[in-house]
Amino acid sequence: MEQGIRHEKSLVLVKALPRGGKVHGETVCCAGVTPELEWRRQYPIRFRHLKESKFQRWQWIEYKYRLPKDDSRPESRYVQEGSIVLGKILPKSKRPNFLNSLIRPSVEDAAKRGQSLTLIRPQNTRFKWRLKKPEELEKERQDYIKAASQKSFLDDEKTPLEPWPYEFSFDYSSEDGKTHKGICHDWETSAMYWRFSRSEGEKPALDKMGEVFNEKYPEKGMVFAMGTNSRRPKQWLLNGVILLDETGQLPLL
């Protein structure tokens, strides 16, 4: 194997919203855990350029990587995009028992452990949305246009992404009693809006998302996947909203 290149396996838990970059174009930062329950951050993943190796949440993947030179966070991995191999989907019945030990009472607790990725179980959650200003949308639109134009001669042509019209967020409390507001960077949450709005319209889509995140998820068990900002390591971002039972115990028949 090439010097400095390593191999590992990870369960995908997070796919953040696509971002436009000057070097790699449109990329998605992903995160998950190894079979030994060690956090991993995978980037730069040009997700829309993946073909047979497009993965989903709860799927095991294997890949080759090297340690990044410009990211000191211990969980970060610079992935060789063409090396990704898809594995099995972790069954729903096994997810809580596998992951519940990773849940921390707060991001401060995770930081004290030297972690830049963690799960927390939020309390008193309230899902909210905000219509973006025209200038915000236009800036995002231009960023996506520039990102789509940055490709190699081996890449297929991609239509630039259209910005999401709404910013989604959560008001919540952590177990230490502190209150927070987190802007949601979870790609799957925004994709939910597109699915609902296409079939039911804009207002019904927002109302339905409110039911999902204000009623169904909290009732069944919801966790937030949190990660630090690469440029501002003390700033934690809400990168994933995950349905996860508290106990993992199945009801007795």
C-alpha atoms as a PDB file:
ATOM      1  CA  MET A   1       0.000   0.000   0.000  1.00  0.00           C
ATOM      2  CA  GLU A   2       1.199   3.529  -0.781  1.00  0.00           C
ATOM      3  CA  GLN A   3       3.193   5.101   2.039  1.00  0.00           C
ATOM      4  CA  GLY A   4       0.930   6.954   4.480  1.00  0.00           C
ATOM      5  CA  ILE A   5      -2.225   5.356   3.082  1.00  0.00           C
ATOM      6  CA  ARG A   6      -4.307   3.321   5.533  1.00  0.00           C
ATOM      7  CA  HIS A   7      -7.554   1.383   5.473  1.00  0.00           C
ATOM      8  CA  GLU A   8     -10.546   1.311   7.823  1.00  0.00           C
ATOM      9  CA  LYS A   9     -14.247   0.576   8.207  1.00  0.00           C
ATOM     10  CA  SER A  10     -16.882   2.997   9.451  1.00  0.00           C
ATOM     11  CA  LEU A  11     -20.634   3.142  10.027  1.00  0.00           C
ATOM     12  CA  VAL A  12     -22.027   6.294   8.383  1.00  0.00           C
ATOM     13  CA  LEU A  13     -24.107   8.452  10.739  1.00  0.00           C
ATOM     14  CA  VAL A  14     -23.796  11.937   9.250  1.00  0.00           C
ATOM     15  CA  LYS A  15     -23.912  13.508   5.811  1.00  0.00           C
ATOM     16  CA  ALA A  16     -23.725  17.274   6.191  1.00  0.00           C
ATOM     17  CA  LEU A  17     -25.116  19.708   3.663  1.00  0.00           C
ATOM     18  CA  PRO A  18     -22.995  20.003   0.494  1.00  0.00           C
ATOM     19  CA  ARG A  19     -20.546  22.878   0.463  1.00  0.00           C
ATOM     20  CA  GLY A  20     -18.627  24.589  -2.303  1.00  0.00           C
ATOM     21  CA  GLY A  21     -14.853  24.731  -1.907  1.00  0.00           C
ATOM     22  CA  LYS A  22     -12.035  26.392  -3.831  1.00  0.00           C
ATOM     23  CA  VAL A  23      -9.953  23.212  -4.061  1.00  0.00           C
ATOM     24  CA  HIS A  24     -12.356  20.265  -4.380  1.00  0.00           C
ATOM     25  CA  GLY A  25     -15.560  21.908  -5.593  1.00  0.00           C
ATOM     26  CA  GLU A  26     -18.819  20.555  -4.181  1.00  0.00           C
ATOM     27  CA  THR A  27     -18.118  18.261  -1.234  1.00  0.00           C
ATOM     28  CA  VAL A  28     -19.939  16.664   1.676  1.00  0.00           C
ATOM     29  CA  CYS A  29     -18.397  16.134   5.102  1.00  0.00           C
ATOM     30  CA  CYS A  30     -19.445  12.774   6.542  1.00  0.00           C
ATOM     31  CA  ALA A  31     -18.929  11.177   9.924  1.00  0.00           C
ATOM     32  CA  GLY A  32     -19.443   7.861  11.653  1.00  0.00           C
ATOM     33  CA  VAL A  33     -17.887   5.319  13.971  1.00  0.00           C
ATOM     34  CA  THR A  34     -15.646   2.293  13.545  1.00  0.00           C
ATOM     35  CA  PRO A  35     -16.593  -1.186  14.805  1.00  0.00           C
ATOM     36  CA  GLU A  36     -14.525  -0.283  17.905  1.00  0.00           C
ATOM     37  CA  LEU A  37     -16.772   2.768  18.472  1.00  0.00           C
ATOM     38  CA  GLU A  38     -14.140   5.320  17.537  1.00  0.00           C
ATOM     39  CA  TRP A  39     -15.394   8.435  15.792  1.00  0.00           C
ATOM     40  CA  ARG A  40     -14.278   9.177  12.242  1.00  0.00           C
ATOM     41  CA  ARG A  41     -14.784  12.204  10.007  1.00  0.00           C
ATOM     42  CA  GLN A  42     -14.543  11.521   6.243  1.00  0.00           C
ATOM     43  CA  TYR A  43     -13.829  14.254   3.711  1.00  0.00           C
ATOM     44  CA  PRO A  44     -13.641  15.594   1.046  1.00  0.00           C
ATOM     45  CA  ILE A  45     -16.448  13.391  -0.299  1.00  0.00           C
ATOM     46  CA  ARG A  46     -17.752  14.608  -3.678  1.00  0.00           C
ATOM     47  CA  PHE A  47     -20.956  12.716  -3.070  1.00  0.00           C
ATOM     48  CA  ARG A  48     -22.759  13.488  -6.317  1.00  0.00           C
ATOM     49  CA  HIS A  49     -19.748  12.219  -8.288  1.00  0.00           C
ATOM     50  CA  LEU A  50     -19.860   8.827  -6.573  1.00  0.00           C
ATOM     51  CA  LYS A  51     -21.383   6.118  -8.753  1.00  0.00           C
ATOM     52  CA  GLU A  52     -21.517   2.546  -7.467  1.00  0.00           C
ATOM     53  CA  SER A  53     -20.258   3.703  -4.047  1.00  0.00           C
ATOM     54  CA  LYS A  54     -23.014   6.127  -2.998  1.00  0.00           C
ATOM     55  CA  PHE A  55     -23.751   5.318   0.627  1.00  0.00           C
ATOM     56  CA  GLN A  56     -26.504   6.141   3.101  1.00  0.00           C
ATOM     57  CA  ARG A  57     -26.900   6.650   6.825  1.00  0.00           C
ATOM     58  CA  TRP A  58     -26.530   3.420   8.821  1.00  0.00           C
ATOM     59  CA  GLN A  59     -24.395   1.807   6.121  1.00  0.00           C
ATOM     60  CA  TRP A  60     -20.954   0.336   6.722  1.00  0.00           C
ATOM     61  CA  ILE A  61     -18.296   1.542   4.317  1.00  0.00           C
ATOM     62  CA  GLU A  62     -14.613   0.721   3.888  1.00  0.00           C
ATOM     63  CA  TYR A  63     -12.095   3.085   2.360  1.00  0.00           C
ATOM     64  CA  LYS A  64      -8.455   4.063   2.096  1.00  0.00           C
ATOM     65  CA  TYR A  65      -7.330   7.301   3.669  1.00  0.00           C
ATOM     66  CA  ARG A  66      -4.432   9.391   4.840  1.00  0.00           C
ATOM     67  CA  LEU A  67      -4.209  11.743   7.789  1.00  0.00           C
ATOM     68  CA  PRO A  68      -4.907  15.323   6.696  1.00  0.00           C
ATOM     69  CA  LYS A  69      -2.163  17.916   6.929  1.00  0.00           C
ATOM     70  CA  ASP A  70      -4.506  20.849   7.482  1.00  0.00           C
ATOM     71  CA  ASP A  71      -6.833  19.366  10.135  1.00  0.00           C
ATOM     72  CA  SER A  72      -5.563  18.505  13.602  1.00  0.00           C
ATOM     73  CA  ARG A  73      -8.832  17.011  14.839  1.00  0.00           C
ATOM     74  CA  PRO A  74      -8.004  13.395  15.784  1.00  0.00           C
ATOM     75  CA  GLU A  75     -11.067  11.861  14.100  1.00  0.00           C
ATOM     76  CA  SER A  76     -10.486  13.430  10.678  1.00  0.00           C
ATOM     77  CA  ARG A  77      -9.620  11.285   7.668  1.00  0.00           C
ATOM     78  CA  TYR A  78      -8.768  12.419   4.129  1.00  0.00           C
ATOM     79  CA  VAL A  79     -10.519   9.726   2.096  1.00  0.00           C
ATOM     80  CA  GLN A  80      -9.497   8.409  -1.308  1.00  0.00           C
ATOM     81  CA  GLU A  81     -12.837   8.771  -3.045  1.00  0.00           C
ATOM     82  CA  GLY A  82     -12.326   5.912  -5.482  1.00  0.00           C
ATOM     83  CA  SER A  83     -11.525   3.426  -2.728  1.00  0.00           C
ATOM     84  CA  ILE A  84     -14.954   3.488  -1.036  1.00  0.00           C
ATOM     85  CA  VAL A  85     -16.558   0.038  -0.808  1.00  0.00           C
ATOM     86  CA  LEU A  86     -20.160  -0.344   0.376  1.00  0.00           C
ATOM     87  CA  GLY A  87     -21.085  -2.728   3.172  1.00  0.00           C
ATOM     88  CA  LYS A  88     -24.286  -3.791   4.903  1.00  0.00           C
ATOM     89  CA  ILE A  89     -26.927  -1.611   6.532  1.00  0.00           C
ATOM     90  CA  LEU A  90     -26.953  -1.873  10.331  1.00  0.00           C
ATOM     91  CA  PRO A  91     -30.394  -3.271  11.319  1.00  0.00           C
ATOM     92  CA  LYS A  92     -32.663  -0.974  13.325  1.00  0.00           C
ATOM     93  CA  SER A  93     -32.781  -3.425  16.211  1.00  0.00           C
ATOM     94  CA  LYS A  94     -28.997  -3.222  16.702  1.00  0.00           C
ATOM     95  CA  ARG A  95     -28.537   0.536  16.440  1.00  0.00           C
ATOM     96  CA  PRO A  96     -29.389   1.667  20.002  1.00  0.00           C
ATOM     97  CA  ASN A  97     -27.261  -0.903  21.812  1.00  0.00           C
ATOM     98  CA  PHE A  98     -24.375  -0.195  19.459  1.00  0.00           C
ATOM     99  CA  LEU A  99     -24.417   3.599  19.793  1.00  0.00           C
ATOM    100  CA  ASN A 100     -25.908   4.547  23.166  1.00  0.00           C
ATOM    101  CA  SER A 101     -22.524   4.372  24.899  1.00  0.00           C
ATOM    102  CA  LEU A 102     -21.339   7.236  22.660  1.00  0.00           C
ATOM    103  CA  ILE A 103     -23.966   9.680  23.934  1.00  0.00           C
ATOM    104  CA  ARG A 104     -22.524  12.446  26.109  1.00  0.00           C
ATOM    105  CA  PRO A 105     -24.448  14.809  28.415  1.00  0.00           C
ATOM    106  CA  SER A 106     -23.066  17.852  26.577  1.00  0.00           C
ATOM    107  CA  VAL A 107     -20.532  18.931  23.971  1.00  0.00           C
ATOM    108  CA  GLU A 108     -18.423  20.323  26.820  1.00  0.00           C
ATOM    109  CA  ASP A 109     -18.164  16.816  28.228  1.00  0.00           C
ATOM    110  CA  ALA A 110     -17.066  15.530  24.819  1.00  0.00           C
ATOM    111  CA  ALA A 111     -14.485  18.321  24.508  1.00  0.00           C
ATOM    112  CA  LYS A 112     -12.984  17.386  27.875  1.00  0.00           C
ATOM    113  CA  ARG A 113     -12.498  13.870  26.492  1.00  0.00           C
ATOM    114  CA  GLY A 114     -10.611  15.324  23.529  1.00  0.00           C
ATOM    115  CA  GLN A 115     -13.417  14.616  21.071  1.00  0.00           C
ATOM    116  CA  SER A 116     -14.506  16.829  18.167  1.00  0.00           C
ATOM    117  CA  LEU A 117     -17.487  14.598  17.328  1.00  0.00           C
ATOM    118  CA  THR A 118     -20.174  13.321  19.652  1.00  0.00           C
ATOM    119  CA  LEU A 119     -23.807  12.393  20.142  1.00  0.00           C
ATOM    120  CA  ILE A 120     -26.064  14.177  22.621  1.00  0.00           C
ATOM    121  CA  ARG A 121     -29.666  13.477  23.544  1.00  0.00           C
ATOM    122  CA  PRO A 122     -31.381  16.886  23.475  1.00  0.00           C
ATOM    123  CA  GLN A 123     -34.199  17.859  25.782  1.00  0.00           C
ATOM    124  CA  ASN A 124     -37.119  20.283  25.362  1.00  0.00           C
ATOM    125  CA  THR A 125     -36.538  20.427  21.622  1.00  0.00           C
ATOM    126  CA  ARG A 126     -38.367  22.745  19.268  1.00  0.00           C
ATOM    127  CA  PHE A 127     -37.859  22.470  15.515  1.00  0.00           C
ATOM    128  CA  LYS A 128     -38.002  25.792  13.639  1.00  0.00           C
ATOM    129  CA  TRP A 129     -37.532  27.173  10.151  1.00  0.00           C
ATOM    130  CA  ARG A 130     -36.601  30.528   8.637  1.00  0.00           C
ATOM    131  CA  LEU A 131     -37.060  31.686   5.065  1.00  0.00           C
ATOM    132  CA  LYS A 132     -33.674  32.786   3.763  1.00  0.00           C
ATOM    133  CA  LYS A 133     -33.186  36.289   2.400  1.00  0.00           C
ATOM    134  CA  PRO A 134     -32.807  36.687  -1.394  1.00  0.00           C
ATOM    135  CA  GLU A 135     -29.184  37.758  -1.018  1.00  0.00           C
ATOM    136  CA  GLU A 136     -28.406  34.661   1.044  1.00  0.00           C
ATOM    137  CA  LEU A 137     -29.906  32.405  -1.597  1.00  0.00           C
ATOM    138  CA  GLU A 138     -28.061  34.162  -4.391  1.00  0.00           C
ATOM    139  CA  LYS A 139     -24.712  33.793  -2.633  1.00  0.00           C
ATOM    140  CA  GLU A 140     -25.334  30.085  -2.070  1.00  0.00           C
ATOM    141  CA  ARG A 141     -26.467  29.717  -5.685  1.00  0.00           C
ATOM    142  CA  GLN A 142     -23.245  31.281  -6.974  1.00  0.00           C
ATOM    143  CA  ASP A 143     -21.158  29.096  -4.659  1.00  0.00           C
ATOM    144  CA  TYR A 144     -22.861  25.975  -6.036  1.00  0.00           C
ATOM    145  CA  ILE A 145     -22.355  27.157  -9.632  1.00  0.00           C
ATOM    146  CA  LYS A 146     -18.641  27.658  -9.004  1.00  0.00           C
ATOM    147  CA  ALA A 147     -18.388  24.319  -7.213  1.00  0.00           C
ATOM    148  CA  ALA A 148     -20.087  22.436 -10.065  1.00  0.00           C
ATOM    149  CA  SER A 149     -17.617  23.932 -12.549  1.00  0.00           C
ATOM    150  CA  GLN A 150     -14.620  22.586 -10.614  1.00  0.00           C
ATOM    151  CA  LYS A 151     -14.203  19.087 -12.015  1.00  0.00           C
ATOM    152  CA  SER A 152     -11.607  16.936 -13.725  1.00  0.00           C
ATOM    153  CA  PHE A 153     -11.890  15.641 -17.284  1.00  0.00           C
ATOM    154  CA  LEU A 154     -12.958  12.273 -15.821  1.00  0.00           C
ATOM    155  CA  ASP A 155     -15.996  13.726 -14.040  1.00  0.00           C
ATOM    156  CA  ASP A 156     -19.515  13.790 -15.417  1.00  0.00           C
ATOM    157  CA  GLU A 157     -21.199  17.155 -15.874  1.00  0.00           C
ATOM    158  CA  LYS A 158     -23.364  18.014 -12.870  1.00  0.00           C
ATOM    159  CA  THR A 159     -26.173  20.535 -12.693  1.00  0.00           C
ATOM    160  CA  PRO A 160     -25.421  23.004  -9.877  1.00  0.00           C
ATOM    161  CA  LEU A 161     -27.413  22.392  -6.745  1.00  0.00           C
ATOM    162  CA  GLU A 162     -30.295  24.734  -6.026  1.00  0.00           C
ATOM    163  CA  PRO A 163     -30.043  26.291  -2.533  1.00  0.00           C
ATOM    164  CA  TRP A 164     -32.519  25.225   0.111  1.00  0.00           C
ATOM    165  CA  PRO A 165     -35.003  28.107   0.599  1.00  0.00           C
ATOM    166  CA  TYR A 166     -35.267  27.540   4.346  1.00  0.00           C
ATOM    167  CA  GLU A 167     -32.787  27.427   7.190  1.00  0.00           C
ATOM    168  CA  PHE A 168     -33.769  24.767   9.724  1.00  0.00           C
ATOM    169  CA  SER A 169     -32.820  24.910  13.383  1.00  0.00           C
ATOM    170  CA  PHE A 170     -33.556  23.498  16.833  1.00  0.00           C
ATOM    171  CA  ASP A 171     -33.959  25.171  20.201  1.00  0.00           C
ATOM    172  CA  TYR A 172     -33.024  22.635  22.870  1.00  0.00           C
ATOM    173  CA  SER A 173     -31.494  21.963  26.266  1.00  0.00           C
ATOM    174  CA  SER A 174     -28.587  19.663  27.058  1.00  0.00           C
ATOM    175  CA  GLU A 175     -28.459  17.407  30.108  1.00  0.00           C
ATOM    176  CA  ASP A 176     -26.439  19.999  32.014  1.00  0.00           C
ATOM    177  CA  GLY A 177     -29.459  22.339  31.852  1.00  0.00           C
ATOM    178  CA  LYS A 178     -27.971  24.800  29.365  1.00  0.00           C
ATOM    179  CA  THR A 179     -30.169  26.068  26.524  1.00  0.00           C
ATOM    180  CA  HIS A 180     -28.958  26.162  22.933  1.00  0.00           C
ATOM    181  CA  LYS A 181     -29.968  27.022  19.397  1.00  0.00           C
ATOM    182  CA  GLY A 182     -28.420  24.923  16.666  1.00  0.00           C
ATOM    183  CA  ILE A 183     -28.697  25.583  12.945  1.00  0.00           C
ATOM    184  CA  CYS A 184     -29.217  22.206  11.330  1.00  0.00           C
ATOM    185  CA  HIS A 185     -26.531  21.256   8.786  1.00  0.00           C
ATOM    186  CA  ASP A 186     -27.955  17.772   8.252  1.00  0.00           C
ATOM    187  CA  TRP A 187     -28.414  17.008   4.548  1.00  0.00           C
ATOM    188  CA  GLU A 188     -31.157  14.474   5.249  1.00  0.00           C
ATOM    189  CA  THR A 189     -33.258  17.064   7.083  1.00  0.00           C
ATOM    190  CA  SER A 190     -33.152  19.444   4.118  1.00  0.00           C
ATOM    191  CA  ALA A 191     -33.768  16.570   1.703  1.00  0.00           C
ATOM    192  CA  MET A 192     -36.887  15.760   3.708  1.00  0.00           C
ATOM    193  CA  TYR A 193     -38.209  19.227   2.881  1.00  0.00           C
ATOM    194  CA  TRP A 194     -37.719  18.644  -0.853  1.00  0.00           C
ATOM    195  CA  ARG A 195     -39.481  15.270  -0.717  1.00  0.00           C
ATOM    196  CA  PHE A 196     -42.467  16.612   1.188  1.00  0.00           C
ATOM    197  CA  SER A 197     -42.769  19.864  -0.796  1.00  0.00           C
ATOM    198  CA  ARG A 198     -42.724  18.090  -4.147  1.00  0.00           C
ATOM    199  CA  SER A 199     -45.577  15.824  -3.181  1.00  0.00           C
ATOM    200  CA  GLU A 200     -47.614  18.072  -0.874  1.00  0.00           C
ATOM    201  CA  GLY A 201     -46.564  21.703  -1.357  1.00  0.00           C
ATOM    202  CA  GLU A 202     -44.460  24.129   0.663  1.00  0.00           C
ATOM    203  CA  LYS A 203     -46.659  24.883   3.687  1.00  0.00           C
ATOM    204  CA  PRO A 204     -47.818  21.263   4.194  1.00  0.00           C
ATOM    205  CA  ALA A 205     -44.172  20.174   3.924  1.00  0.00           C
ATOM    206  CA  LEU A 206     -43.092  22.504   6.730  1.00  0.00           C
ATOM    207  CA  ASP A 207     -46.041  21.446   8.882  1.00  0.00           C
ATOM    208  CA  LYS A 208     -45.203  17.788   8.309  1.00  0.00           C
ATOM    209  CA  MET A 209     -41.558  18.357   9.236  1.00  0.00           C
ATOM    210  CA  GLY A 210     -42.778  20.034  12.407  1.00  0.00           C
ATOM    211  CA  GLU A 211     -44.740  16.903  13.256  1.00  0.00           C
ATOM    212  CA  VAL A 212     -41.719  14.706  12.566  1.00  0.00           C
ATOM    213  CA  PHE A 213     -39.203  16.665  14.639  1.00  0.00           C
ATOM    214  CA  ASN A 214     -41.463  18.103  17.338  1.00  0.00           C
ATOM    215  CA  GLU A 215     -43.552  14.988  17.990  1.00  0.00           C
ATOM    216  CA  LYS A 216     -42.501  11.726  16.360  1.00  0.00           C
ATOM    217  CA  TYR A 217     -38.728  11.861  16.810  1.00  0.00           C
ATOM    218  CA  PRO A 218     -38.754  13.110  20.433  1.00  0.00           C
ATOM    219  CA  GLU A 219     -41.351  10.470  21.317  1.00  0.00           C
ATOM    220  CA  LYS A 220     -39.378   7.630  19.751  1.00  0.00           C
ATOM    221  CA  GLY A 221     -35.914   8.836  20.735  1.00  0.00           C
ATOM    222  CA  MET A 222     -33.796  11.505  19.057  1.00  0.00           C
ATOM    223  CA  VAL A 223     -30.098  12.316  19.205  1.00  0.00           C
ATOM    224  CA  PHE A 224     -28.026  15.088  17.671  1.00  0.00           C
ATOM    225  CA  ALA A 225     -24.696  14.362  16.001  1.00  0.00           C
ATOM    226  CA  MET A 226     -22.465  17.298  16.889  1.00  0.00           C
ATOM    227  CA  GLY A 227     -19.100  18.235  15.426  1.00  0.00           C
ATOM    228  CA  THR A 228     -16.655  21.099  15.782  1.00  0.00           C
ATOM    229  CA  ASN A 229     -15.897  23.681  13.115  1.00  0.00           C
ATOM    230  CA  SER A 230     -12.489  23.060  11.507  1.00  0.00           C
ATOM    231  CA  ARG A 231     -11.571  26.757  11.620  1.00  0.00           C
ATOM    232  CA  ARG A 232     -13.156  27.482  15.007  1.00  0.00           C
ATOM    233  CA  PRO A 233     -12.529  24.353  17.102  1.00  0.00           C
ATOM    234  CA  LYS A 234     -14.561  25.576  20.077  1.00  0.00           C
ATOM    235  CA  GLN A 235     -17.679  26.047  17.946  1.00  0.00           C
ATOM    236  CA  TRP A 236     -19.928  22.981  17.778  1.00  0.00           C
ATOM    237  CA  LEU A 237     -22.286  22.456  14.832  1.00  0.00           C
ATOM    238  CA  LEU A 238     -25.461  20.387  14.608  1.00  0.00           C
ATOM    239  CA  ASN A 239     -24.572  18.068  11.725  1.00  0.00           C
ATOM    240  CA  GLY A 240     -27.075  15.234  12.082  1.00  0.00           C
ATOM    241  CA  VAL A 241     -30.549  14.529  13.498  1.00  0.00           C
ATOM    242  CA  ILE A 242     -30.867  10.817  14.204  1.00  0.00           C
ATOM    243  CA  LEU A 243     -33.740   8.623  15.333  1.00  0.00           C
ATOM    244  CA  LEU A 244     -32.377   6.378  18.108  1.00  0.00           C
ATOM    245  CA  ASP A 245     -34.230   4.572  20.899  1.00  0.00           C
ATOM    246  CA  GLU A 246     -33.026   5.266  24.424  1.00  0.00           C
ATOM    247  CA  THR A 247     -32.789   1.621  25.479  1.00  0.00           C
ATOM    248  CA  GLY A 248     -32.814  -0.470  22.335  1.00  0.00           C
ATOM    249  CA  GLN A 249     -35.078  -2.952  24.096  1.00  0.00           C
ATOM    250  CA  LEU A 250     -37.820  -4.481  22.001  1.00  0.00           C
ATOM    251  CA  PRO A 251     -41.304  -4.721  23.520  1.00  0.00           C
ATOM    252  CA  LEU A 252     -42.304  -8.078  25.011  1.00  0.00           C
ATOM    253  CA  LEU A 253     -44.911  -9.994  23.055  1.00  0.00           C
END
